């Protein structure tokens, strides 16, 4: 299965957050690796977007656009670090 990089998350997450989260560092709950969300492996050939850890393939986040609702799960992340400008 072919994946894209985590920059694909920028558009979907922009609908929720007022800042671009793709340069943010996040910790995987599966293996503990810390990396920018932009480095995640993102799959778009599902009912939504699935972001997986580039180190261990653990699901980091899912985003499903259901028209009038947006479903977001970040359960694969134990923390997100945002840098202030």
PDB file of N, CA and C in Angstrom:
ATOM      1  N   UNK A   1       0.834  -1.166   0.000  1.00  0.00           N
ATOM      2  CA  UNK A   1       0.000   0.000   0.000  1.00  0.00           C
ATOM      3  C   UNK A   1       0.890   1.243   0.000  1.00  0.00           C
ATOM      4  N   UNK A   2       0.613   2.183  -0.862  1.00  0.00           N
ATOM      5  CA  UNK A   2       1.407   3.405  -0.979  1.00  0.00           C
ATOM      6  C   UNK A   2       0.934   4.447   0.019  1.00  0.00           C
ATOM      7  N   UNK A   3       1.897   5.141   0.608  1.00  0.00           N
ATOM      8  CA  UNK A   3       1.554   6.197   1.563  1.00  0.00           C
ATOM      9  C   UNK A   3       2.151   7.528   1.116  1.00  0.00           C
ATOM     10  N   UNK A   4       1.590   8.599   1.668  1.00  0.00           N
ATOM     11  CA  UNK A   4       2.101   9.951   1.457  1.00  0.00           C
ATOM     12  C   UNK A   4       2.774  10.394   2.744  1.00  0.00           C
ATOM     13  N   UNK A   5       3.405  11.569   2.752  1.00  0.00           N
ATOM     14  CA  UNK A   5       4.004  12.027   4.004  1.00  0.00           C
ATOM     15  C   UNK A   5       2.989  12.841   4.809  1.00  0.00           C
ATOM     16  N   UNK A   6       3.363  13.160   6.032  1.00  0.00           N
ATOM     17  CA  UNK A   6       2.454  13.817   6.965  1.00  0.00           C
ATOM     18  C   UNK A   6       2.009  15.208   6.577  1.00  0.00           C
ATOM     19  N   UNK A   7       2.623  15.807   5.563  1.00  0.00           N
ATOM     20  CA  UNK A   7       2.171  17.122   5.109  1.00  0.00           C
ATOM     21  C   UNK A   7       0.745  17.085   4.581  1.00  0.00           C
ATOM     22  N   UNK A   8       0.264  15.888   4.216  1.00  0.00           N
ATOM     23  CA  UNK A   8      -1.111  15.716   3.758  1.00  0.00           C
ATOM     24  C   UNK A   8      -2.097  16.089   4.866  1.00  0.00           C
ATOM     25  N   UNK A   9      -1.677  15.966   6.116  1.00  0.00           N
ATOM     26  CA  UNK A   9      -2.545  16.294   7.255  1.00  0.00           C
ATOM     27  C   UNK A   9      -2.828  17.789   7.377  1.00  0.00           C
ATOM     28  N   UNK A  10      -2.020  18.641   6.773  1.00  0.00           N
ATOM     29  CA  UNK A  10      -2.145  20.095   6.946  1.00  0.00           C
ATOM     30  C   UNK A  10      -3.544  20.599   6.637  1.00  0.00           C
ATOM     31  N   UNK A  11      -4.105  20.202   5.524  1.00  0.00           N
ATOM     32  CA  UNK A  11      -5.433  20.685   5.146  1.00  0.00           C
ATOM     33  C   UNK A  11      -6.518  20.213   6.096  1.00  0.00           C
ATOM     34  N   UNK A  12      -6.506  18.936   6.431  1.00  0.00           N
ATOM     35  CA  UNK A  12      -7.532  18.387   7.320  1.00  0.00           C
ATOM     36  C   UNK A  12      -7.440  18.987   8.715  1.00  0.00           C
ATOM     37  N   UNK A  13      -6.225  19.156   9.229  1.00  0.00           N
ATOM     38  CA  UNK A  13      -6.067  19.705  10.575  1.00  0.00           C
ATOM     39  C   UNK A  13      -6.298  21.215  10.610  1.00  0.00           C
ATOM     40  N   UNK A  14      -6.132  21.892   9.474  1.00  0.00           N
ATOM     41  CA  UNK A  14      -6.388  23.330   9.414  1.00  0.00           C
ATOM     42  C   UNK A  14      -7.860  23.634   9.650  1.00  0.00           C
ATOM     43  N   UNK A  15      -8.735  22.668   9.356  1.00  0.00           N
ATOM     44  CA  UNK A  15     -10.158  22.840   9.615  1.00  0.00           C
ATOM     45  C   UNK A  15     -10.456  22.851  11.111  1.00  0.00           C
ATOM     46  N   UNK A  16      -9.545  22.326  11.911  1.00  0.00           N
ATOM     47  CA  UNK A  16      -9.760  22.203  13.355  1.00  0.00           C
ATOM     48  C   UNK A  16      -8.905  23.191  14.139  1.00  0.00           C
ATOM     49  N   UNK A  17      -7.632  23.285  13.797  1.00  0.00           N
ATOM     50  CA  UNK A  17      -6.680  24.093  14.548  1.00  0.00           C
ATOM     51  C   UNK A  17      -6.302  25.341  13.746  1.00  0.00           C
ATOM     52  N   UNK A  18      -5.965  26.408  14.445  1.00  0.00           N
ATOM     53  CA  UNK A  18      -5.632  27.659  13.763  1.00  0.00           C
ATOM     54  C   UNK A  18      -4.165  27.734  13.350  1.00  0.00           C
ATOM     55  N   UNK A  19      -3.378  26.712  13.696  1.00  0.00           N
ATOM     56  CA  UNK A  19      -1.966  26.671  13.308  1.00  0.00           C
ATOM     57  C   UNK A  19      -1.691  25.396  12.529  1.00  0.00           C
ATOM     58  N   UNK A  20      -0.645  25.435  11.720  1.00  0.00           N
ATOM     59  CA  UNK A  20      -0.217  24.254  10.977  1.00  0.00           C
ATOM     60  C   UNK A  20       0.473  23.295  11.948  1.00  0.00           C
ATOM     61  N   UNK A  21      -0.073  22.107  12.132  1.00  0.00           N
ATOM     62  CA  UNK A  21       0.505  21.140  13.066  1.00  0.00           C
ATOM     63  C   UNK A  21       1.560  20.242  12.437  1.00  0.00           C
ATOM     64  N   UNK A  22       1.732  20.274  11.122  1.00  0.00           N
ATOM     65  CA  UNK A  22       2.680  19.343  10.506  1.00  0.00           C
ATOM     66  C   UNK A  22       4.127  19.539  10.960  1.00  0.00           C
ATOM     67  N   UNK A  23       4.601  20.768  11.310  1.00  0.00           N
ATOM     68  CA  UNK A  23       5.963  20.869  11.834  1.00  0.00           C
ATOM     69  C   UNK A  23       6.065  20.544  13.331  1.00  0.00           C
ATOM     70  N   UNK A  24       4.937  20.315  13.987  1.00  0.00           N
ATOM     71  CA  UNK A  24       4.941  20.000  15.419  1.00  0.00           C
ATOM     72  C   UNK A  24       5.546  18.626  15.664  1.00  0.00           C
ATOM     73  N   UNK A  25       6.273  18.483  16.758  1.00  0.00           N
ATOM     74  CA  UNK A  25       6.817  17.184  17.145  1.00  0.00           C
ATOM     75  C   UNK A  25       5.780  16.443  17.975  1.00  0.00           C
ATOM     76  N   UNK A  26       5.689  15.140  17.768  1.00  0.00           N
ATOM     77  CA  UNK A  26       4.718  14.330  18.487  1.00  0.00           C
ATOM     78  C   UNK A  26       5.352  13.008  18.895  1.00  0.00           C
ATOM     79  N   UNK A  27       4.890  12.453  20.012  1.00  0.00           N
ATOM     80  CA  UNK A  27       5.425  11.183  20.519  1.00  0.00           C
ATOM     81  C   UNK A  27       4.433  10.065  20.222  1.00  0.00           C
ATOM     82  N   UNK A  28       4.924   8.993  19.624  1.00  0.00           N
ATOM     83  CA  UNK A  28       4.124   7.808  19.307  1.00  0.00           C
ATOM     84  C   UNK A  28       3.875   6.995  20.577  1.00  0.00           C
ATOM     85  N   UNK A  29       2.622   6.620  20.817  1.00  0.00           N
ATOM     86  CA  UNK A  29       2.319   5.787  21.983  1.00  0.00           C
ATOM     87  C   UNK A  29       2.744   4.337  21.762  1.00  0.00           C
ATOM     88  N   UNK A  30       3.015   3.965  20.527  1.00  0.00           N
ATOM     89  CA  UNK A  30       3.429   2.594  20.234  1.00  0.00           C
ATOM     90  C   UNK A  30       4.887   2.321  20.560  1.00  0.00           C
ATOM     91  N   UNK A  31       5.783   3.197  20.102  1.00  0.00           N
ATOM     92  CA  UNK A  31       7.216   2.942  20.277  1.00  0.00           C
ATOM     93  C   UNK A  31       7.947   4.059  21.019  1.00  0.00           C
ATOM     94  N   UNK A  32       7.274   5.198  21.239  1.00  0.00           N
ATOM     95  CA  UNK A  32       7.904   6.310  21.946  1.00  0.00           C
ATOM     96  C   UNK A  32       8.732   7.230  21.071  1.00  0.00           C
ATOM     97  N   UNK A  33       8.794   6.953  19.779  1.00  0.00           N
ATOM     98  CA  UNK A  33       9.571   7.811  18.874  1.00  0.00           C
ATOM     99  C   UNK A  33       8.963   9.207  18.832  1.00  0.00           C
ATOM    100  N   UNK A  34       9.826  10.212  18.753  1.00  0.00           N
ATOM    101  CA  UNK A  34       9.381  11.599  18.631  1.00  0.00           C
ATOM    102  C   UNK A  34       9.809  12.097  17.258  1.00  0.00           C
ATOM    103  N   UNK A  35       8.850  12.610  16.495  1.00  0.00           N
ATOM    104  CA  UNK A  35       9.135  13.105  15.149  1.00  0.00           C
ATOM    105  C   UNK A  35       8.089  14.144  14.772  1.00  0.00           C
ATOM    106  N   UNK A  36       8.400  14.927  13.764  1.00  0.00           N
ATOM    107  CA  UNK A  36       7.427  15.886  13.260  1.00  0.00           C
ATOM    108  C   UNK A  36       6.268  15.129  12.624  1.00  0.00           C
ATOM    109  N   UNK A  37       5.064  15.667  12.747  1.00  0.00           N
ATOM    110  CA  UNK A  37       3.906  15.037  12.115  1.00  0.00           C
ATOM    111  C   UNK A  37       4.094  14.933  10.601  1.00  0.00           C
ATOM    112  N   UNK A  38       4.856  15.857  10.032  1.00  0.00           N
ATOM    113  CA  UNK A  38       5.125  15.822   8.593  1.00  0.00           C
ATOM    114  C   UNK A  38       5.875  14.561   8.168  1.00  0.00           C
ATOM    115  N   UNK A  39       6.538  13.891   9.103  1.00  0.00           N
ATOM    116  CA  UNK A  39       7.289  12.677   8.793  1.00  0.00           C
ATOM    117  C   UNK A  39       6.443  11.416   8.869  1.00  0.00           C
ATOM    118  N   UNK A  40       5.192  11.542   9.313  1.00  0.00           N
ATOM    119  CA  UNK A  40       4.312  10.375   9.422  1.00  0.00           C
ATOM    120  C   UNK A  40       4.005   9.811   8.037  1.00  0.00           C
ATOM    121  N   UNK A  41       3.655   8.540   7.988  1.00  0.00           N
ATOM    122  CA  UNK A  41       3.199   7.905   6.751  1.00  0.00           C
ATOM    123  C   UNK A  41       1.681   8.047   6.744  1.00  0.00           C
ATOM    124  N   UNK A  42       1.156   8.712   5.726  1.00  0.00           N
ATOM    125  CA  UNK A  42      -0.273   9.013   5.681  1.00  0.00           C
ATOM    126  C   UNK A  42      -0.931   8.269   4.525  1.00  0.00           C
ATOM    127  N   UNK A  43      -2.020   7.602   4.852  1.00  0.00           N
ATOM    128  CA  UNK A  43      -2.786   6.832   3.874  1.00  0.00           C
ATOM    129  C   UNK A  43      -4.137   7.508   3.670  1.00  0.00           C
ATOM    130  N   UNK A  44      -4.481   7.737   2.414  1.00  0.00           N
ATOM    131  CA  UNK A  44      -5.725   8.438   2.097  1.00  0.00           C
ATOM    132  C   UNK A  44      -6.743   7.547   1.399  1.00  0.00           C
ATOM    133  N   UNK A  45      -6.433   6.285   1.207  1.00  0.00           N
ATOM    134  CA  UNK A  45      -7.338   5.380   0.494  1.00  0.00           C
ATOM    135  C   UNK A  45      -8.248   4.616   1.457  1.00  0.00           C
ATOM    136  N   UNK A  46      -8.713   5.297   2.498  1.00  0.00           N
ATOM    137  CA  UNK A  46      -9.648   4.737   3.474  1.00  0.00           C
ATOM    138  C   UNK A  46     -10.828   5.703   3.548  1.00  0.00           C
ATOM    139  N   UNK A  47     -11.807   5.419   4.385  1.00  0.00           N
ATOM    140  CA  UNK A  47     -12.906   6.373   4.529  1.00  0.00           C
ATOM    141  C   UNK A  47     -12.446   7.739   5.040  1.00  0.00           C
ATOM    142  N   UNK A  48     -11.227   7.813   5.546  1.00  0.00           N
ATOM    143  CA  UNK A  48     -10.654   9.064   6.012  1.00  0.00           C
ATOM    144  C   UNK A  48      -9.161   9.044   5.797  1.00  0.00           C
ATOM    145  N   UNK A  49      -8.452   9.856   6.562  1.00  0.00           N
ATOM    146  CA  UNK A  49      -6.994   9.928   6.500  1.00  0.00           C
ATOM    147  C   UNK A  49      -6.438   9.197   7.714  1.00  0.00           C
ATOM    148  N   UNK A  50      -5.464   8.330   7.495  1.00  0.00           N
ATOM    149  CA  UNK A  50      -4.831   7.586   8.583  1.00  0.00           C
ATOM    150  C   UNK A  50      -3.339   7.918   8.577  1.00  0.00           C
ATOM    151  N   UNK A  51      -2.833   8.435   9.703  1.00  0.00           N
ATOM    152  CA  UNK A  51      -1.410   8.753   9.843  1.00  0.00           C
ATOM    153  C   UNK A  51      -0.764   7.680  10.719  1.00  0.00           C
ATOM    154  N   UNK A  52       0.337   7.100  10.236  1.00  0.00           N
ATOM    155  CA  UNK A  52       1.040   6.045  10.963  1.00  0.00           C
ATOM    156  C   UNK A  52       2.472   6.473  11.269  1.00  0.00           C
ATOM    157  N   UNK A  53       3.000   5.972  12.368  1.00  0.00           N
ATOM    158  CA  UNK A  53       4.365   6.246  12.783  1.00  0.00           C
ATOM    159  C   UNK A  53       5.336   5.708  11.730  1.00  0.00           C
ATOM    160  N   UNK A  54       6.289   6.528  11.326  1.00  0.00           N
ATOM    161  CA  UNK A  54       7.290   6.106  10.345  1.00  0.00           C
ATOM    162  C   UNK A  54       8.267   5.096  10.931  1.00  0.00           C
ATOM    163  N   UNK A  55       8.336   5.000  12.261  1.00  0.00           N
ATOM    164  CA  UNK A  55       9.255   4.075  12.913  1.00  0.00           C
ATOM    165  C   UNK A  55       8.638   2.697  13.124  1.00  0.00           C
ATOM    166  N   UNK A  56       7.384   2.653  13.645  1.00  0.00           N
ATOM    167  CA  UNK A  56       6.800   1.357  14.015  1.00  0.00           C
ATOM    168  C   UNK A  56       5.467   1.042  13.331  1.00  0.00           C
ATOM    169  N   UNK A  57       4.937   1.955  12.518  1.00  0.00           N
ATOM    170  CA  UNK A  57       3.689   1.759  11.776  1.00  0.00           C
ATOM    171  C   UNK A  57       2.429   1.842  12.655  1.00  0.00           C
ATOM    172  N   UNK A  58       2.575   2.263  13.904  1.00  0.00           N
ATOM    173  CA  UNK A  58       1.431   2.418  14.820  1.00  0.00           C
ATOM    174  C   UNK A  58       0.543   3.568  14.321  1.00  0.00           C
ATOM    175  N   UNK A  59      -0.784   3.424  14.451  1.00  0.00           N
ATOM    176  CA  UNK A  59      -1.693   4.504  14.048  1.00  0.00           C
ATOM    177  C   UNK A  59      -1.542   5.677  15.008  1.00  0.00           C
ATOM    178  N   UNK A  60      -1.179   6.840  14.469  1.00  0.00           N
ATOM    179  CA  UNK A  60      -1.016   8.052  15.266  1.00  0.00           C
ATOM    180  C   UNK A  60      -2.307   8.849  15.321  1.00  0.00           C
ATOM    181  N   UNK A  61      -2.935   9.018  14.168  1.00  0.00           N
ATOM    182  CA  UNK A  61      -4.112   9.875  14.081  1.00  0.00           C
ATOM    183  C   UNK A  61      -5.000   9.437  12.930  1.00  0.00           C
ATOM    184  N   UNK A  62      -6.290   9.714  13.078  1.00  0.00           N
ATOM    185  CA  UNK A  62      -7.242   9.513  11.987  1.00  0.00           C
ATOM    186  C   UNK A  62      -8.117  10.755  11.882  1.00  0.00           C
ATOM    187  N   UNK A  63      -8.452  11.108  10.657  1.00  0.00           N
ATOM    188  CA  UNK A  63      -9.342  12.235  10.393  1.00  0.00           C
ATOM    189  C   UNK A  63     -10.374  11.760   9.379  1.00  0.00           C
ATOM    190  N   UNK A  64     -11.645  11.862   9.741  1.00  0.00           N
ATOM    191  CA  UNK A  64     -12.725  11.470   8.835  1.00  0.00           C
ATOM    192  C   UNK A  64     -13.648  12.670   8.649  1.00  0.00           C
ATOM    193  N   UNK A  65     -13.792  13.104   7.403  1.00  0.00           N
ATOM    194  CA  UNK A  65     -14.684  14.208   7.060  1.00  0.00           C
ATOM    195  C   UNK A  65     -16.029  13.613   6.672  1.00  0.00           C
ATOM    196  N   UNK A  66     -17.053  13.863   7.494  1.00  0.00           N
ATOM    197  CA  UNK A  66     -18.386  13.326   7.253  1.00  0.00           C
ATOM    198  C   UNK A  66     -19.341  14.430   6.798  1.00  0.00           C
ATOM    199  N   UNK A  67     -18.823  15.409   6.096  1.00  0.00           N
ATOM    200  CA  UNK A  67     -19.664  16.496   5.594  1.00  0.00           C
ATOM    201  C   UNK A  67     -19.937  17.540   6.656  1.00  0.00           C
ATOM    202  N   UNK A  68     -21.005  17.349   7.431  1.00  0.00           N
ATOM    203  CA  UNK A  68     -21.354  18.327   8.461  1.00  0.00           C
ATOM    204  C   UNK A  68     -20.625  18.079   9.775  1.00  0.00           C
ATOM    205  N   UNK A  69     -19.816  17.010   9.828  1.00  0.00           N
ATOM    206  CA  UNK A  69     -19.039  16.685  11.036  1.00  0.00           C
ATOM    207  C   UNK A  69     -17.654  16.224  10.629  1.00  0.00           C
ATOM    208  N   UNK A  70     -16.714  16.423  11.541  1.00  0.00           N
ATOM    209  CA  UNK A  70     -15.352  15.958  11.324  1.00  0.00           C
ATOM    210  C   UNK A  70     -14.963  15.122  12.541  1.00  0.00           C
ATOM    211  N   UNK A  71     -14.490  13.925  12.305  1.00  0.00           N
ATOM    212  CA  UNK A  71     -14.067  13.028  13.386  1.00  0.00           C
ATOM    213  C   UNK A  71     -12.545  13.025  13.435  1.00  0.00           C
ATOM    214  N   UNK A  72     -11.994  13.285  14.615  1.00  0.00           N
ATOM    215  CA  UNK A  72     -10.547  13.347  14.797  1.00  0.00           C
ATOM    216  C   UNK A  72     -10.153  12.453  15.958  1.00  0.00           C
ATOM    217  N   UNK A  73      -9.171  11.596  15.737  1.00  0.00           N
ATOM    218  CA  UNK A  73      -8.608  10.777  16.814  1.00  0.00           C
ATOM    219  C   UNK A  73      -7.097  10.974  16.817  1.00  0.00           C
ATOM    220  N   UNK A  74      -6.569  11.340  17.980  1.00  0.00           N
ATOM    221  CA  UNK A  74      -5.118  11.499  18.163  1.00  0.00           C
ATOM    222  C   UNK A  74      -4.632  10.523  19.230  1.00  0.00           C
ATOM    223  N   UNK A  75      -5.327   9.409  19.407  1.00  0.00           N
ATOM    224  CA  UNK A  75      -5.022   8.476  20.490  1.00  0.00           C
ATOM    225  C   UNK A  75      -3.661   7.810  20.346  1.00  0.00           C
ATOM    226  N   UNK A  76      -3.067   7.839  19.172  1.00  0.00           N
ATOM    227  CA  UNK A  76      -1.747   7.255  18.970  1.00  0.00           C
ATOM    228  C   UNK A  76      -0.615   8.192  19.345  1.00  0.00           C
ATOM    229  N   UNK A  77      -0.974   9.385  19.837  1.00  0.00           N
ATOM    230  CA  UNK A  77       0.023  10.377  20.229  1.00  0.00           C
ATOM    231  C   UNK A  77      -0.067  10.614  21.727  1.00  0.00           C
ATOM    232  N   UNK A  78       1.071  10.572  22.407  1.00  0.00           N
ATOM    233  CA  UNK A  78       1.064  10.846  23.846  1.00  0.00           C
ATOM    234  C   UNK A  78       1.352  12.314  24.131  1.00  0.00           C
ATOM    235  N   UNK A  79       1.722  13.067  23.109  1.00  0.00           N
ATOM    236  CA  UNK A  79       1.966  14.487  23.281  1.00  0.00           C
ATOM    237  C   UNK A  79       2.332  15.136  21.966  1.00  0.00           C
ATOM    238  N   UNK A  80       2.026  16.426  21.860  1.00  0.00           N
ATOM    239  CA  UNK A  80       2.370  17.218  20.681  1.00  0.00           C
ATOM    240  C   UNK A  80       3.068  18.484  21.170  1.00  0.00           C
ATOM    241  N   UNK A  81       4.241  18.764  20.609  1.00  0.00           N
ATOM    242  CA  UNK A  81       4.998  19.965  20.971  1.00  0.00           C
ATOM    243  C   UNK A  81       4.871  20.994  19.852  1.00  0.00           C
ATOM    244  N   UNK A  82       4.313  22.155  20.195  1.00  0.00           N
ATOM    245  CA  UNK A  82       4.172  23.252  19.245  1.00  0.00           C
ATOM    246  C   UNK A  82       5.166  24.343  19.596  1.00  0.00           C
ATOM    247  N   UNK A  83       5.905  24.818  18.632  1.00  0.00           N
ATOM    248  CA  UNK A  83       6.865  25.899  18.867  1.00  0.00           C
ATOM    249  C   UNK A  83       6.188  27.231  18.606  1.00  0.00           C
ATOM    250  N   UNK A  84       6.404  28.175  19.482  1.00  0.00           N
ATOM    251  CA  UNK A  84       5.873  29.515  19.301  1.00  0.00           C
ATOM    252  C   UNK A  84       6.805  30.317  18.408  1.00  0.00           C
ATOM    253  N   UNK A  85       6.195  31.174  17.613  1.00  0.00           N
ATOM    254  CA  UNK A  85       6.994  31.997  16.696  1.00  0.00           C
ATOM    255  C   UNK A  85       7.724  33.094  17.413  1.00  0.00           C
TER     256      UNK A  85
END
